[in-house]
């Protein structure tokens, strides 16, 4: 199962399913992250600033608790890396 959730959700899943593999995605830089947030639209300037302030805690969580992290410079390349990680580890999971 693949879930797209925030870091708090990832930690909650890991608590219930200790064998779960947590994959973190990071932007290439803070500047790029801000650009992506603004490009999505639908967020006020204050909301963008709040989201950026939260990223420090999220990054710390990714580096402390997640099994692997990928820097998302290019979507297609990042998808391939995630797919390879999943394929390498799916054989190591306990049977359900």
Protein backbone atom coordinates (compact mmCIF):
# COMPACT_ATOMS: atom_id res chain seq x y z
CA UNK A 1 0.00 0.00 0.00
CA UNK A 2 1.28 3.43 -0.90
CA UNK A 3 0.02 6.41 1.10
CA UNK A 4 0.60 10.09 0.41
CA UNK A 5 0.53 11.59 3.91
CA UNK A 6 2.36 14.17 5.99
CA UNK A 7 5.17 13.33 8.39
CA UNK A 8 2.83 13.01 11.39
CA UNK A 9 0.71 10.53 9.46
CA UNK A 10 3.84 8.61 8.48
CA UNK A 11 4.90 8.27 12.10
CA UNK A 12 1.40 7.12 13.06
CA UNK A 13 1.52 4.43 10.36
CA UNK A 14 4.98 3.31 11.48
CA UNK A 15 3.70 2.97 15.05
CA UNK A 16 0.90 0.64 13.91
CA UNK A 17 2.96 -1.14 11.23
CA UNK A 18 6.60 -1.15 12.36
CA UNK A 19 7.68 -2.99 9.18
CA UNK A 20 6.33 -0.16 6.97
CA UNK A 21 8.93 1.73 4.97
CA UNK A 22 8.69 5.49 5.15
CA UNK A 23 9.79 7.40 2.05
CA UNK A 24 10.30 11.13 2.37
CA UNK A 25 10.26 13.60 -0.50
CA UNK A 26 12.20 16.83 -0.30
CA UNK A 27 12.35 19.80 -2.64
CA UNK A 28 15.76 20.71 -4.07
CA UNK A 29 15.82 23.90 -1.99
CA UNK A 30 13.70 26.13 0.22
CA UNK A 31 13.47 28.65 -2.62
CA UNK A 32 12.14 25.97 -4.96
CA UNK A 33 9.70 24.78 -2.32
CA UNK A 34 8.34 28.30 -1.98
CA UNK A 35 8.05 28.60 -5.76
CA UNK A 36 6.13 25.32 -5.96
CA UNK A 37 3.75 26.35 -3.18
CA UNK A 38 3.01 29.65 -4.88
CA UNK A 39 2.63 27.97 -8.28
CA UNK A 40 -0.04 25.57 -6.97
CA UNK A 41 -2.24 28.51 -6.13
CA UNK A 42 -5.08 28.59 -3.66
CA UNK A 43 -2.84 29.66 -0.77
CA UNK A 44 -2.58 33.12 0.70
CA UNK A 45 0.82 34.68 1.36
CA UNK A 46 0.32 33.98 5.07
CA UNK A 47 -0.50 30.32 4.36
CA UNK A 48 2.62 29.97 2.22
CA UNK A 49 4.72 31.44 5.04
CA UNK A 50 3.10 29.11 7.59
CA UNK A 51 3.78 26.09 5.37
CA UNK A 52 7.40 27.14 4.92
CA UNK A 53 7.82 27.58 8.68
CA UNK A 54 6.55 24.02 9.22
CA UNK A 55 9.07 22.56 6.80
CA UNK A 56 11.95 22.71 9.29
CA UNK A 57 10.15 20.32 11.66
CA UNK A 58 9.13 18.10 8.76
CA UNK A 59 12.70 17.90 7.45
CA UNK A 60 13.98 16.98 10.91
CA UNK A 61 11.34 14.24 11.11
CA UNK A 62 12.25 12.92 7.65
CA UNK A 63 15.93 12.70 8.51
CA UNK A 64 15.34 11.20 11.95
CA UNK A 65 12.58 8.65 11.37
CA UNK A 66 12.15 7.96 7.67
CA UNK A 67 13.84 5.02 5.97
CA UNK A 68 14.88 6.94 2.87
CA UNK A 69 14.56 10.41 1.41
CA UNK A 70 14.54 11.54 -2.18
CA UNK A 71 15.14 15.04 -3.46
CA UNK A 72 12.44 15.71 -6.00
CA UNK A 73 14.26 17.62 -8.72
CA UNK A 74 12.55 15.86 -11.59
CA UNK A 75 9.23 14.04 -11.15
CA UNK A 76 9.92 11.17 -13.57
CA UNK A 77 13.33 10.45 -12.05
CA UNK A 78 11.94 10.61 -8.52
CA UNK A 79 9.12 8.20 -9.42
CA UNK A 80 11.67 5.73 -10.80
CA UNK A 81 13.75 5.94 -7.62
CA UNK A 82 10.69 5.38 -5.43
CA UNK A 83 9.58 2.45 -7.57
CA UNK A 84 13.03 0.85 -7.34
CA UNK A 85 13.10 1.31 -3.56
CA UNK A 86 9.68 -0.32 -3.23
CA UNK A 87 10.63 -3.23 -5.48
CA UNK A 88 13.85 -3.84 -3.51
CA UNK A 89 12.02 -3.84 -0.18
CA UNK A 90 8.72 -5.50 -0.95
CA UNK A 91 10.32 -8.96 -0.78
CA UNK A 92 11.65 -8.18 2.70
CA UNK A 93 8.25 -7.39 4.25
CA UNK A 94 6.62 -9.97 6.51
CA UNK A 95 3.60 -11.76 5.00
CA UNK A 96 0.26 -10.12 5.72
